[in-house]
């Protein structure tokens, strides 16, 4: 079944995503550098791009850069003069991401911060880098609720907050789960359900990344 899911993702990319958009060079560079293959898929990246363009986003917050694959999708969608502020914990990942972003000619659109997000996010707020039109959260899952709260604090009304990997092969719906990432997803759902300033849903996905899904919240 997973093989068929991969084939469908490849079909979607082949029909709807132009080859230059697919960032084969970025993925190859990530692979050569030994980064984990946990980037969003090309169809998911295009979805982030489309949502950003629909919002006419000028300020985007990303938590979890990895090798810059999703960062590049987001940066390409910015309105003129816009900026993606992206946070990456691992300096080696950040180095690879900087090279990928530079190769795509997007260095002037990306502000890459290196360190623990919960240390850096208060500094971003203090600097007045927002308010953000869209936030994309794809980092360590155990802190998703805290990341969501920071993104909400720095979002404008009408902004979107998207959190990846919230289904965890269905473990999010298992109240007996002991898996840390699934527990992080459950904490996120609890935080969003209790937050009156947003309206939200979550969508299950299958594809090259297996069975997972994303949560999307709109700031009222």
N, C-alpha and C. Protein backbone atom coordinates (compact mmCIF):
# COMPACT_ATOMS: atom_id res chain seq x y z
N UNK A 1 0.82 -1.20 0.00
CA UNK A 1 0.00 0.00 0.00
C UNK A 1 0.86 1.26 0.00
N UNK A 2 1.94 1.27 0.83
CA UNK A 2 2.81 2.44 0.88
C UNK A 2 3.44 2.70 -0.48
N UNK A 3 3.80 1.62 -1.20
CA UNK A 3 4.37 1.77 -2.54
C UNK A 3 3.37 2.47 -3.46
N UNK A 4 2.09 2.13 -3.35
CA UNK A 4 1.08 2.76 -4.19
C UNK A 4 0.90 4.22 -3.78
N UNK A 5 0.93 4.51 -2.48
CA UNK A 5 0.84 5.90 -2.03
C UNK A 5 1.98 6.73 -2.64
N UNK A 6 3.19 6.16 -2.65
CA UNK A 6 4.33 6.84 -3.24
C UNK A 6 4.10 7.08 -4.73
N UNK A 7 3.55 6.09 -5.40
CA UNK A 7 3.30 6.22 -6.83
C UNK A 7 2.31 7.35 -7.11
N UNK A 8 1.31 7.49 -6.26
CA UNK A 8 0.32 8.56 -6.46
C UNK A 8 0.97 9.92 -6.22
N UNK A 9 1.80 10.03 -5.17
CA UNK A 9 2.52 11.29 -4.96
C UNK A 9 3.38 11.64 -6.17
N UNK A 10 4.05 10.64 -6.73
CA UNK A 10 4.88 10.87 -7.91
C UNK A 10 4.03 11.31 -9.10
N UNK A 11 2.85 10.70 -9.23
CA UNK A 11 1.95 11.07 -10.32
C UNK A 11 1.50 12.52 -10.17
N UNK A 12 1.09 12.89 -8.95
CA UNK A 12 0.66 14.27 -8.69
C UNK A 12 1.77 15.25 -9.03
N UNK A 13 2.97 14.96 -8.54
CA UNK A 13 4.10 15.85 -8.80
C UNK A 13 4.39 15.95 -10.30
N UNK A 14 4.31 14.81 -10.98
CA UNK A 14 4.61 14.81 -12.41
C UNK A 14 3.61 15.59 -13.23
N UNK A 15 2.35 15.59 -12.80
CA UNK A 15 1.31 16.26 -13.57
C UNK A 15 1.11 17.73 -13.18
N UNK A 16 1.31 18.06 -11.92
CA UNK A 16 0.90 19.38 -11.41
C UNK A 16 2.04 20.25 -10.90
N UNK A 17 3.23 19.70 -10.77
CA UNK A 17 4.34 20.47 -10.22
C UNK A 17 5.48 20.47 -11.22
N UNK A 18 5.82 21.65 -11.71
CA UNK A 18 6.89 21.76 -12.71
C UNK A 18 8.21 21.26 -12.13
N UNK A 19 9.02 20.68 -12.99
CA UNK A 19 10.28 20.09 -12.50
C UNK A 19 11.15 21.08 -11.72
N UNK A 20 11.31 22.35 -12.18
CA UNK A 20 12.13 23.27 -11.39
C UNK A 20 11.56 23.52 -9.99
N UNK A 21 10.23 23.41 -9.85
CA UNK A 21 9.61 23.60 -8.54
C UNK A 21 9.93 22.46 -7.58
N UNK A 22 10.19 21.27 -8.11
CA UNK A 22 10.27 20.08 -7.27
C UNK A 22 11.54 20.01 -6.42
N UNK A 23 12.53 20.83 -6.72
CA UNK A 23 13.74 20.94 -5.89
C UNK A 23 14.52 19.63 -5.77
N UNK A 24 14.75 18.99 -6.88
CA UNK A 24 15.54 17.76 -6.83
C UNK A 24 16.96 18.05 -6.31
N UNK A 25 17.50 19.22 -6.65
CA UNK A 25 18.85 19.56 -6.18
C UNK A 25 18.89 19.68 -4.66
N UNK A 26 17.85 20.28 -4.08
CA UNK A 26 17.78 20.41 -2.62
C UNK A 26 17.73 19.03 -1.96
N UNK A 27 16.87 18.18 -2.46
CA UNK A 27 16.73 16.84 -1.87
C UNK A 27 18.01 16.03 -2.04
N UNK A 28 18.67 16.17 -3.20
CA UNK A 28 19.94 15.47 -3.42
C UNK A 28 21.00 15.97 -2.44
N UNK A 29 21.07 17.29 -2.24
CA UNK A 29 22.05 17.85 -1.32
C UNK A 29 21.77 17.38 0.11
N UNK A 30 20.52 17.33 0.49
CA UNK A 30 20.17 16.84 1.83
C UNK A 30 20.60 15.39 2.01
N UNK A 31 20.37 14.59 0.96
CA UNK A 31 20.72 13.17 1.03
C UNK A 31 22.23 12.99 1.15
N UNK A 32 22.98 13.73 0.32
CA UNK A 32 24.44 13.63 0.37
C UNK A 32 25.00 14.07 1.73
N UNK A 33 24.30 14.99 2.38
CA UNK A 33 24.76 15.50 3.67
C UNK A 33 24.31 14.63 4.84
N UNK A 34 23.55 13.58 4.54
CA UNK A 34 23.11 12.67 5.59
C UNK A 34 21.96 13.16 6.42
N UNK A 35 21.21 14.15 5.93
CA UNK A 35 20.05 14.62 6.67
C UNK A 35 18.93 13.57 6.63
N UNK A 36 18.13 13.48 7.67
CA UNK A 36 17.01 12.52 7.64
C UNK A 36 16.01 12.90 6.56
N UNK A 37 15.44 11.90 5.92
CA UNK A 37 14.51 12.14 4.81
C UNK A 37 13.11 12.39 5.34
N UNK A 38 12.96 13.49 6.05
CA UNK A 38 11.68 13.80 6.70
C UNK A 38 11.12 15.12 6.18
N UNK A 39 11.60 15.59 5.02
CA UNK A 39 11.02 16.78 4.42
C UNK A 39 9.56 16.51 4.06
N UNK A 40 8.79 17.58 3.93
CA UNK A 40 7.46 17.41 3.36
C UNK A 40 7.59 16.89 1.94
N UNK A 41 6.53 16.27 1.43
CA UNK A 41 6.55 15.82 0.04
C UNK A 41 6.39 17.03 -0.88
N UNK A 42 6.67 16.82 -2.16
CA UNK A 42 6.48 17.91 -3.13
C UNK A 42 5.02 18.39 -3.18
N UNK A 43 4.01 17.50 -3.19
CA UNK A 43 2.63 18.00 -3.16
C UNK A 43 2.32 18.79 -1.89
N UNK A 44 2.88 18.38 -0.77
CA UNK A 44 2.65 19.13 0.46
C UNK A 44 3.35 20.49 0.40
N UNK A 45 4.56 20.51 -0.15
CA UNK A 45 5.26 21.78 -0.31
C UNK A 45 4.50 22.74 -1.20
N UNK A 46 3.93 22.21 -2.29
CA UNK A 46 3.14 23.06 -3.19
C UNK A 46 1.89 23.59 -2.48
N UNK A 47 1.30 22.78 -1.60
CA UNK A 47 0.15 23.24 -0.83
C UNK A 47 0.55 24.43 0.05
N UNK A 48 1.68 24.33 0.74
CA UNK A 48 2.15 25.45 1.56
C UNK A 48 2.34 26.70 0.70
N UNK A 49 2.91 26.50 -0.48
CA UNK A 49 3.15 27.59 -1.42
C UNK A 49 1.84 28.26 -1.83
N UNK A 50 0.86 27.44 -2.19
CA UNK A 50 -0.43 27.98 -2.64
C UNK A 50 -1.13 28.73 -1.51
N UNK A 51 -1.13 28.17 -0.31
CA UNK A 51 -1.77 28.85 0.82
C UNK A 51 -1.09 30.18 1.10
N UNK A 52 0.24 30.21 1.03
CA UNK A 52 0.97 31.45 1.27
C UNK A 52 0.62 32.50 0.22
N UNK A 53 0.54 32.06 -1.04
CA UNK A 53 0.19 33.01 -2.10
C UNK A 53 -1.24 33.50 -1.96
N UNK A 54 -2.15 32.61 -1.55
CA UNK A 54 -3.54 33.02 -1.35
C UNK A 54 -3.66 34.09 -0.26
N UNK A 55 -2.81 33.99 0.74
CA UNK A 55 -2.80 34.97 1.82
C UNK A 55 -2.03 36.24 1.45
N UNK A 56 -1.35 36.21 0.30
CA UNK A 56 -0.45 37.31 -0.08
C UNK A 56 0.54 37.58 1.05
N UNK A 57 1.14 36.50 1.51
CA UNK A 57 1.97 36.56 2.72
C UNK A 57 3.23 37.38 2.49
N UNK A 58 3.53 38.24 3.46
CA UNK A 58 4.78 39.00 3.49
C UNK A 58 5.67 38.56 4.64
N UNK A 59 5.07 37.97 5.66
CA UNK A 59 5.83 37.52 6.81
C UNK A 59 5.41 36.08 7.13
N UNK A 60 6.37 35.17 7.08
CA UNK A 60 6.10 33.76 7.35
C UNK A 60 7.06 33.29 8.43
N UNK A 61 6.54 32.54 9.39
CA UNK A 61 7.35 31.92 10.44
C UNK A 61 7.39 30.42 10.19
N UNK A 62 8.59 29.87 10.21
CA UNK A 62 8.75 28.42 10.08
C UNK A 62 9.55 27.91 11.27
N UNK A 63 9.06 26.89 11.92
CA UNK A 63 9.76 26.27 13.04
C UNK A 63 10.15 24.87 12.61
N UNK A 64 11.45 24.69 12.33
CA UNK A 64 11.97 23.43 11.81
C UNK A 64 12.37 23.58 10.36
N UNK A 65 13.63 23.95 10.10
CA UNK A 65 14.10 24.22 8.74
C UNK A 65 14.56 22.97 8.03
N UNK A 66 15.25 22.06 8.77
CA UNK A 66 15.93 20.90 8.21
C UNK A 66 16.85 21.38 7.08
N UNK A 67 16.71 20.88 5.87
CA UNK A 67 17.57 21.29 4.77
C UNK A 67 17.01 22.39 3.91
N UNK A 68 15.89 22.98 4.32
CA UNK A 68 15.35 24.13 3.61
C UNK A 68 14.34 23.82 2.51
N UNK A 69 13.91 22.59 2.38
CA UNK A 69 12.98 22.23 1.30
C UNK A 69 11.67 23.01 1.43
N UNK A 70 11.02 22.93 2.60
CA UNK A 70 9.77 23.68 2.78
C UNK A 70 10.04 25.18 2.84
N UNK A 71 11.20 25.57 3.37
CA UNK A 71 11.56 26.99 3.43
C UNK A 71 11.56 27.60 2.03
N UNK A 72 12.12 26.87 1.08
CA UNK A 72 12.20 27.37 -0.29
C UNK A 72 10.80 27.49 -0.90
N UNK A 73 9.96 26.50 -0.67
CA UNK A 73 8.57 26.60 -1.15
C UNK A 73 7.91 27.86 -0.60
N UNK A 74 8.11 28.14 0.68
CA UNK A 74 7.49 29.30 1.30
C UNK A 74 8.10 30.60 0.79
N UNK A 75 9.42 30.64 0.68
CA UNK A 75 10.09 31.86 0.24
C UNK A 75 9.70 32.24 -1.18
N UNK A 76 9.51 31.24 -2.03
CA UNK A 76 9.09 31.52 -3.41
C UNK A 76 7.71 32.14 -3.48
N UNK A 77 6.90 31.96 -2.45
CA UNK A 77 5.52 32.45 -2.46
C UNK A 77 5.38 33.87 -1.91
N UNK A 78 6.43 34.41 -1.34
CA UNK A 78 6.34 35.71 -0.66
C UNK A 78 5.97 36.84 -1.60
N UNK A 79 5.25 37.79 -1.06
CA UNK A 79 5.06 39.06 -1.74
C UNK A 79 6.39 39.82 -1.78
N UNK A 80 6.55 40.76 -2.71
CA UNK A 80 7.81 41.52 -2.78
C UNK A 80 8.17 42.14 -1.44
N UNK A 81 9.44 42.01 -1.09
CA UNK A 81 9.92 42.55 0.18
C UNK A 81 9.62 41.68 1.38
N UNK A 82 9.02 40.50 1.16
CA UNK A 82 8.65 39.63 2.27
C UNK A 82 9.83 38.85 2.81
N UNK A 83 9.57 38.16 3.93
CA UNK A 83 10.64 37.42 4.61
C UNK A 83 10.07 36.18 5.29
N UNK A 84 10.82 35.08 5.16
CA UNK A 84 10.57 33.87 5.96
C UNK A 84 11.56 33.88 7.11
N UNK A 85 11.06 33.84 8.33
CA UNK A 85 11.91 33.67 9.50
C UNK A 85 11.81 32.20 9.89
N UNK A 86 12.91 31.49 9.78
CA UNK A 86 12.90 30.05 10.01
C UNK A 86 13.90 29.68 11.09
N UNK A 87 13.53 28.72 11.93
CA UNK A 87 14.33 28.35 13.10
C UNK A 87 14.73 26.89 12.99
N UNK A 88 16.04 26.61 13.13
CA UNK A 88 16.57 25.25 13.05
C UNK A 88 17.48 24.98 14.25
N UNK A 89 17.24 23.87 14.92
CA UNK A 89 18.02 23.53 16.11
C UNK A 89 19.43 23.06 15.78
N UNK A 90 19.58 22.28 14.72
CA UNK A 90 20.85 21.62 14.42
C UNK A 90 21.71 22.50 13.51
N UNK A 91 22.90 22.93 13.96
CA UNK A 91 23.75 23.79 13.12
C UNK A 91 24.13 23.15 11.79
N UNK A 92 24.33 21.83 11.78
CA UNK A 92 24.70 21.16 10.53
C UNK A 92 23.54 21.21 9.54
N UNK A 93 22.33 20.98 10.01
CA UNK A 93 21.17 21.10 9.13
C UNK A 93 21.06 22.52 8.59
N UNK A 94 21.29 23.50 9.47
CA UNK A 94 21.19 24.90 9.06
C UNK A 94 22.21 25.24 7.98
N UNK A 95 23.41 24.68 8.08
CA UNK A 95 24.45 24.93 7.09
C UNK A 95 24.02 24.41 5.72
N UNK A 96 23.45 23.21 5.70
CA UNK A 96 22.95 22.64 4.44
C UNK A 96 21.81 23.50 3.89
N UNK A 97 20.92 23.92 4.78
CA UNK A 97 19.79 24.74 4.36
C UNK A 97 20.26 26.06 3.75
N UNK A 98 21.24 26.70 4.37
CA UNK A 98 21.75 27.97 3.84
C UNK A 98 22.27 27.79 2.41
N UNK A 99 22.99 26.70 2.18
CA UNK A 99 23.53 26.44 0.84
C UNK A 99 22.40 26.21 -0.15
N UNK A 100 21.39 25.45 0.23
CA UNK A 100 20.26 25.20 -0.66
C UNK A 100 19.50 26.48 -0.97
N UNK A 101 19.27 27.29 0.04
CA UNK A 101 18.55 28.55 -0.14
C UNK A 101 19.35 29.49 -1.05
N UNK A 102 20.66 29.54 -0.84
CA UNK A 102 21.51 30.40 -1.68
C UNK A 102 21.50 29.93 -3.13
N UNK A 103 21.54 28.61 -3.36
CA UNK A 103 21.53 28.09 -4.72
C UNK A 103 20.26 28.49 -5.46
N UNK A 104 19.15 28.60 -4.71
CA UNK A 104 17.88 28.98 -5.31
C UNK A 104 17.72 30.50 -5.43
N UNK A 105 18.73 31.25 -5.01
CA UNK A 105 18.68 32.71 -5.12
C UNK A 105 17.72 33.37 -4.15
N UNK A 106 17.53 32.76 -2.98
CA UNK A 106 16.51 33.24 -2.04
C UNK A 106 17.09 33.74 -0.72
N UNK A 107 18.39 33.92 -0.65
CA UNK A 107 19.02 34.31 0.62
C UNK A 107 18.40 35.59 1.18
N UNK A 108 18.07 36.55 0.32
CA UNK A 108 17.53 37.81 0.81
C UNK A 108 16.11 37.69 1.33
N UNK A 109 15.46 36.56 1.08
CA UNK A 109 14.08 36.36 1.54
C UNK A 109 13.99 35.51 2.80
N UNK A 110 15.12 35.01 3.27
CA UNK A 110 15.10 34.05 4.39
C UNK A 110 16.00 34.54 5.52
N UNK A 111 15.46 34.55 6.72
CA UNK A 111 16.20 34.86 7.95
C UNK A 111 16.26 33.58 8.77
N UNK A 112 17.40 32.89 8.69
CA UNK A 112 17.54 31.58 9.33
C UNK A 112 18.20 31.75 10.69
N UNK A 113 17.51 31.32 11.75
CA UNK A 113 18.03 31.39 13.11
C UNK A 113 18.38 29.99 13.58
N UNK A 114 19.50 29.84 14.28
CA UNK A 114 19.97 28.53 14.72
C UNK A 114 19.91 28.47 16.25
N UNK A 115 19.27 27.43 16.76
CA UNK A 115 19.18 27.22 18.20
C UNK A 115 17.84 26.61 18.56
N UNK A 116 17.62 26.45 19.85
CA UNK A 116 16.37 25.88 20.35
C UNK A 116 15.24 26.88 20.12
N UNK A 117 14.17 26.43 19.48
CA UNK A 117 13.09 27.33 19.11
C UNK A 117 12.49 28.05 20.32
N UNK A 118 12.37 27.36 21.44
CA UNK A 118 11.75 27.98 22.60
C UNK A 118 12.64 29.05 23.22
N UNK A 119 13.93 29.06 22.85
CA UNK A 119 14.82 30.16 23.23
C UNK A 119 14.76 31.29 22.22
N UNK A 120 14.59 30.95 20.96
CA UNK A 120 14.66 31.94 19.88
C UNK A 120 13.33 32.66 19.67
N UNK A 121 12.21 31.97 19.84
CA UNK A 121 10.91 32.58 19.57
C UNK A 121 10.65 33.83 20.41
N UNK A 122 10.99 33.86 21.70
CA UNK A 122 10.81 35.12 22.45
C UNK A 122 11.63 36.27 21.87
N UNK A 123 12.81 35.97 21.34
CA UNK A 123 13.64 37.02 20.74
C UNK A 123 13.00 37.53 19.45
N UNK A 124 12.42 36.63 18.66
CA UNK A 124 11.74 37.04 17.44
C UNK A 124 10.58 37.96 17.78
N UNK A 125 9.83 37.61 18.82
CA UNK A 125 8.72 38.47 19.24
C UNK A 125 9.23 39.83 19.71
N UNK A 126 10.29 39.82 20.51
CA UNK A 126 10.84 41.08 21.04
C UNK A 126 11.34 42.00 19.93
N UNK A 127 11.85 41.40 18.86
CA UNK A 127 12.34 42.19 17.73
C UNK A 127 11.23 42.78 16.88
N UNK A 128 10.02 42.30 17.06
CA UNK A 128 8.91 42.76 16.24
C UNK A 128 8.96 42.24 14.82
N UNK A 129 9.46 41.01 14.64
CA UNK A 129 9.58 40.44 13.30
C UNK A 129 8.22 40.15 12.67
N UNK A 130 7.20 39.98 13.47
CA UNK A 130 5.86 39.75 12.97
C UNK A 130 5.12 41.06 12.76
N UNK A 131 3.79 41.02 12.72
CA UNK A 131 2.97 39.81 12.84
C UNK A 131 3.08 38.96 11.58
N UNK A 132 2.94 37.65 11.78
CA UNK A 132 3.09 36.71 10.69
C UNK A 132 1.75 36.41 10.03
N UNK A 133 1.82 36.23 8.70
CA UNK A 133 0.63 35.87 7.93
C UNK A 133 0.40 34.37 7.91
N UNK A 134 1.48 33.61 8.02
CA UNK A 134 1.40 32.15 8.03
C UNK A 134 2.55 31.61 8.87
N UNK A 135 2.27 30.59 9.65
CA UNK A 135 3.30 29.88 10.41
C UNK A 135 3.21 28.41 10.06
N UNK A 136 4.38 27.81 9.85
CA UNK A 136 4.46 26.38 9.55
C UNK A 136 5.35 25.73 10.61
N UNK A 137 4.80 24.78 11.34
CA UNK A 137 5.49 24.13 12.44
C UNK A 137 5.77 22.68 12.06
N UNK A 138 7.05 22.35 11.98
CA UNK A 138 7.47 21.00 11.58
C UNK A 138 8.80 20.70 12.26
N UNK A 139 8.78 20.66 13.58
CA UNK A 139 9.99 20.44 14.37
C UNK A 139 9.75 19.27 15.32
N UNK A 140 10.47 19.25 16.45
CA UNK A 140 10.26 18.15 17.41
C UNK A 140 8.81 18.20 17.90
N UNK A 141 8.16 17.08 17.86
CA UNK A 141 6.71 17.02 18.06
C UNK A 141 6.30 17.20 19.51
N UNK A 142 7.20 16.91 20.44
CA UNK A 142 6.84 17.01 21.86
C UNK A 142 6.55 18.44 22.27
N UNK A 143 7.10 19.42 21.56
CA UNK A 143 6.89 20.83 21.91
C UNK A 143 5.86 21.51 21.02
N UNK A 144 5.07 20.76 20.27
CA UNK A 144 4.15 21.37 19.31
C UNK A 144 3.17 22.34 19.96
N UNK A 145 2.66 22.00 21.14
CA UNK A 145 1.69 22.89 21.79
C UNK A 145 2.35 24.22 22.14
N UNK A 146 3.58 24.17 22.62
CA UNK A 146 4.30 25.41 22.95
C UNK A 146 4.60 26.21 21.69
N UNK A 147 5.00 25.53 20.63
CA UNK A 147 5.27 26.24 19.37
C UNK A 147 4.00 26.89 18.84
N UNK A 148 2.88 26.17 18.93
CA UNK A 148 1.62 26.73 18.49
C UNK A 148 1.29 28.00 19.26
N UNK A 149 1.48 27.99 20.55
CA UNK A 149 1.16 29.16 21.37
C UNK A 149 2.01 30.36 20.98
N UNK A 150 3.29 30.12 20.68
CA UNK A 150 4.16 31.21 20.25
C UNK A 150 3.72 31.73 18.88
N UNK A 151 3.40 30.82 17.96
CA UNK A 151 2.95 31.25 16.64
C UNK A 151 1.68 32.08 16.74
N UNK A 152 0.76 31.65 17.59
CA UNK A 152 -0.49 32.39 17.77
C UNK A 152 -0.21 33.79 18.31
N UNK A 153 0.68 33.88 19.26
CA UNK A 153 1.02 35.17 19.86
C UNK A 153 1.53 36.16 18.82
N UNK A 154 2.19 35.64 17.78
CA UNK A 154 2.80 36.52 16.77
C UNK A 154 2.05 36.56 15.45
N UNK A 155 0.81 36.10 15.43
CA UNK A 155 0.03 36.05 14.20
C UNK A 155 -0.98 37.19 14.13
N UNK A 156 -1.25 37.63 12.93
CA UNK A 156 -2.30 38.64 12.72
C UNK A 156 -3.65 37.95 12.59
N UNK A 157 -4.75 38.68 12.80
CA UNK A 157 -6.07 38.09 12.51
C UNK A 157 -6.15 37.65 11.05
N UNK A 158 -6.67 36.47 10.83
CA UNK A 158 -6.76 35.91 9.49
C UNK A 158 -5.57 35.06 9.11
N UNK A 159 -4.52 35.06 9.92
CA UNK A 159 -3.34 34.26 9.63
C UNK A 159 -3.64 32.77 9.79
N UNK A 160 -2.82 31.95 9.13
CA UNK A 160 -2.91 30.50 9.25
C UNK A 160 -1.72 29.97 10.04
N UNK A 161 -1.99 28.96 10.86
CA UNK A 161 -0.95 28.21 11.57
C UNK A 161 -1.12 26.76 11.16
N UNK A 162 -0.08 26.19 10.54
CA UNK A 162 -0.13 24.82 10.04
C UNK A 162 0.89 23.99 10.80
N UNK A 163 0.46 22.86 11.32
CA UNK A 163 1.35 21.97 12.08
C UNK A 163 1.36 20.61 11.40
N UNK A 164 2.55 20.15 11.05
CA UNK A 164 2.68 18.89 10.32
C UNK A 164 2.83 17.71 11.28
N UNK A 165 2.54 16.52 10.76
CA UNK A 165 2.78 15.25 11.48
C UNK A 165 1.98 15.13 12.76
N UNK A 166 0.66 15.31 12.65
CA UNK A 166 -0.18 15.28 13.85
C UNK A 166 -1.00 14.01 13.98
N UNK A 167 -0.91 13.09 13.02
CA UNK A 167 -1.71 11.87 13.08
C UNK A 167 -0.89 10.68 13.57
N UNK A 168 0.39 10.61 13.16
CA UNK A 168 1.33 9.63 13.70
C UNK A 168 0.84 8.20 13.52
N UNK A 169 0.54 7.83 12.27
CA UNK A 169 0.03 6.47 11.99
C UNK A 169 -1.20 6.13 12.81
N UNK A 170 -1.99 7.14 13.13
CA UNK A 170 -3.22 6.93 13.89
C UNK A 170 -3.05 6.94 15.39
N UNK A 171 -1.82 7.01 15.88
CA UNK A 171 -1.57 6.95 17.32
C UNK A 171 -2.18 8.12 18.07
N UNK A 172 -2.42 9.25 17.37
CA UNK A 172 -3.00 10.41 18.05
C UNK A 172 -4.37 10.08 18.64
N UNK A 173 -5.08 9.13 18.04
CA UNK A 173 -6.42 8.78 18.51
C UNK A 173 -6.40 7.65 19.54
N UNK A 174 -5.22 7.19 19.92
CA UNK A 174 -5.09 6.09 20.88
C UNK A 174 -4.79 6.67 22.26
N UNK A 175 -5.76 6.67 23.17
CA UNK A 175 -5.52 7.27 24.48
C UNK A 175 -4.49 6.53 25.32
N UNK A 176 -4.13 5.31 24.92
CA UNK A 176 -3.15 4.55 25.68
C UNK A 176 -1.73 4.69 25.12
N UNK A 177 -1.57 5.50 24.07
CA UNK A 177 -0.24 5.60 23.45
C UNK A 177 0.81 6.13 24.43
N UNK A 178 2.00 5.60 24.29
CA UNK A 178 3.13 6.07 25.09
C UNK A 178 4.20 6.71 24.19
N UNK A 179 3.91 6.79 22.90
CA UNK A 179 4.88 7.33 21.95
C UNK A 179 4.96 8.84 22.10
N UNK A 180 6.17 9.36 22.29
CA UNK A 180 6.36 10.77 22.63
C UNK A 180 5.76 11.71 21.60
N UNK A 181 5.97 11.43 20.32
CA UNK A 181 5.46 12.33 19.28
C UNK A 181 3.93 12.31 19.25
N UNK A 182 3.33 11.15 19.47
CA UNK A 182 1.87 11.07 19.51
C UNK A 182 1.33 11.83 20.72
N UNK A 183 2.03 11.71 21.85
CA UNK A 183 1.61 12.47 23.03
C UNK A 183 1.73 13.97 22.77
N UNK A 184 2.77 14.37 22.04
CA UNK A 184 2.90 15.77 21.67
C UNK A 184 1.76 16.23 20.77
N UNK A 185 1.35 15.36 19.85
CA UNK A 185 0.22 15.69 18.98
C UNK A 185 -1.07 15.83 19.78
N UNK A 186 -1.27 14.93 20.75
CA UNK A 186 -2.47 15.01 21.58
C UNK A 186 -2.47 16.31 22.40
N UNK A 187 -1.31 16.69 22.92
CA UNK A 187 -1.21 17.95 23.67
C UNK A 187 -1.53 19.13 22.77
N UNK A 188 -1.08 19.07 21.52
CA UNK A 188 -1.40 20.13 20.57
C UNK A 188 -2.90 20.22 20.34
N UNK A 189 -3.56 19.08 20.08
CA UNK A 189 -5.00 19.10 19.87
C UNK A 189 -5.72 19.67 21.08
N UNK A 190 -5.28 19.31 22.27
CA UNK A 190 -5.90 19.86 23.49
C UNK A 190 -5.74 21.37 23.55
N UNK A 191 -4.54 21.86 23.23
CA UNK A 191 -4.29 23.30 23.28
C UNK A 191 -5.14 24.05 22.26
N UNK A 192 -5.24 23.50 21.06
CA UNK A 192 -6.02 24.17 20.02
C UNK A 192 -7.51 24.11 20.35
N UNK A 193 -7.98 22.97 20.86
CA UNK A 193 -9.40 22.84 21.20
C UNK A 193 -9.81 23.83 22.28
N UNK A 194 -8.89 24.17 23.17
CA UNK A 194 -9.20 25.08 24.27
C UNK A 194 -8.95 26.54 23.92
N UNK A 195 -8.49 26.81 22.71
CA UNK A 195 -8.10 28.17 22.34
C UNK A 195 -9.22 28.85 21.56
N UNK A 196 -9.84 29.85 22.17
CA UNK A 196 -10.99 30.51 21.56
C UNK A 196 -10.59 31.47 20.44
N UNK A 197 -9.30 31.78 20.32
CA UNK A 197 -8.87 32.76 19.31
C UNK A 197 -8.66 32.16 17.93
N UNK A 198 -8.85 30.84 17.79
CA UNK A 198 -8.66 30.21 16.49
C UNK A 198 -9.84 29.31 16.17
N UNK A 199 -10.01 29.05 14.89
CA UNK A 199 -10.88 27.97 14.42
C UNK A 199 -10.01 27.02 13.63
N UNK A 200 -10.20 25.72 13.81
CA UNK A 200 -9.19 24.77 13.30
C UNK A 200 -9.82 23.47 12.86
N UNK A 201 -9.05 22.75 12.05
CA UNK A 201 -9.36 21.38 11.69
C UNK A 201 -8.05 20.64 11.47
N UNK A 202 -8.15 19.35 11.23
CA UNK A 202 -6.97 18.55 10.89
C UNK A 202 -7.37 17.57 9.79
N UNK A 203 -6.42 17.28 8.92
CA UNK A 203 -6.65 16.44 7.76
C UNK A 203 -5.66 15.28 7.77
N UNK A 204 -6.18 14.06 7.65
CA UNK A 204 -5.31 12.90 7.50
C UNK A 204 -4.75 12.86 6.08
N UNK A 205 -3.51 12.41 5.95
CA UNK A 205 -2.90 12.27 4.64
C UNK A 205 -2.23 10.90 4.52
N UNK A 206 -2.16 10.41 3.29
CA UNK A 206 -1.33 9.25 2.98
C UNK A 206 -0.48 9.64 1.78
N UNK A 207 0.68 9.03 1.67
CA UNK A 207 1.56 9.35 0.56
C UNK A 207 2.95 8.83 0.81
N UNK A 208 3.92 9.52 0.21
CA UNK A 208 5.31 9.08 0.34
C UNK A 208 5.80 9.13 1.77
N UNK A 209 5.11 9.90 2.62
CA UNK A 209 5.49 10.00 4.03
C UNK A 209 4.66 9.08 4.92
N UNK A 210 3.92 8.17 4.30
CA UNK A 210 3.13 7.22 5.09
C UNK A 210 1.79 7.82 5.49
N UNK A 211 1.27 7.34 6.62
CA UNK A 211 -0.03 7.78 7.13
C UNK A 211 0.22 8.84 8.20
N UNK A 212 -0.21 10.06 7.91
CA UNK A 212 -0.01 11.13 8.88
C UNK A 212 -1.06 12.19 8.62
N UNK A 213 -0.75 13.44 8.83
CA UNK A 213 -1.71 14.50 8.61
C UNK A 213 -1.22 15.81 9.17
N UNK A 214 -2.00 16.86 8.94
CA UNK A 214 -1.62 18.17 9.42
C UNK A 214 -2.82 18.87 10.06
N UNK A 215 -2.54 19.75 10.98
CA UNK A 215 -3.55 20.60 11.61
C UNK A 215 -3.41 21.98 11.01
N UNK A 216 -4.54 22.61 10.74
CA UNK A 216 -4.53 23.98 10.23
C UNK A 216 -5.51 24.82 11.04
N UNK A 217 -5.00 25.92 11.58
CA UNK A 217 -5.81 26.82 12.40
C UNK A 217 -5.79 28.21 11.78
N UNK A 218 -6.96 28.87 11.80
CA UNK A 218 -7.04 30.26 11.35
C UNK A 218 -7.28 31.14 12.56
N UNK A 219 -6.49 32.21 12.66
CA UNK A 219 -6.62 33.14 13.76
C UNK A 219 -7.85 34.02 13.51
N UNK A 220 -8.72 34.08 14.48
CA UNK A 220 -9.96 34.86 14.32
C UNK A 220 -9.65 36.36 14.34
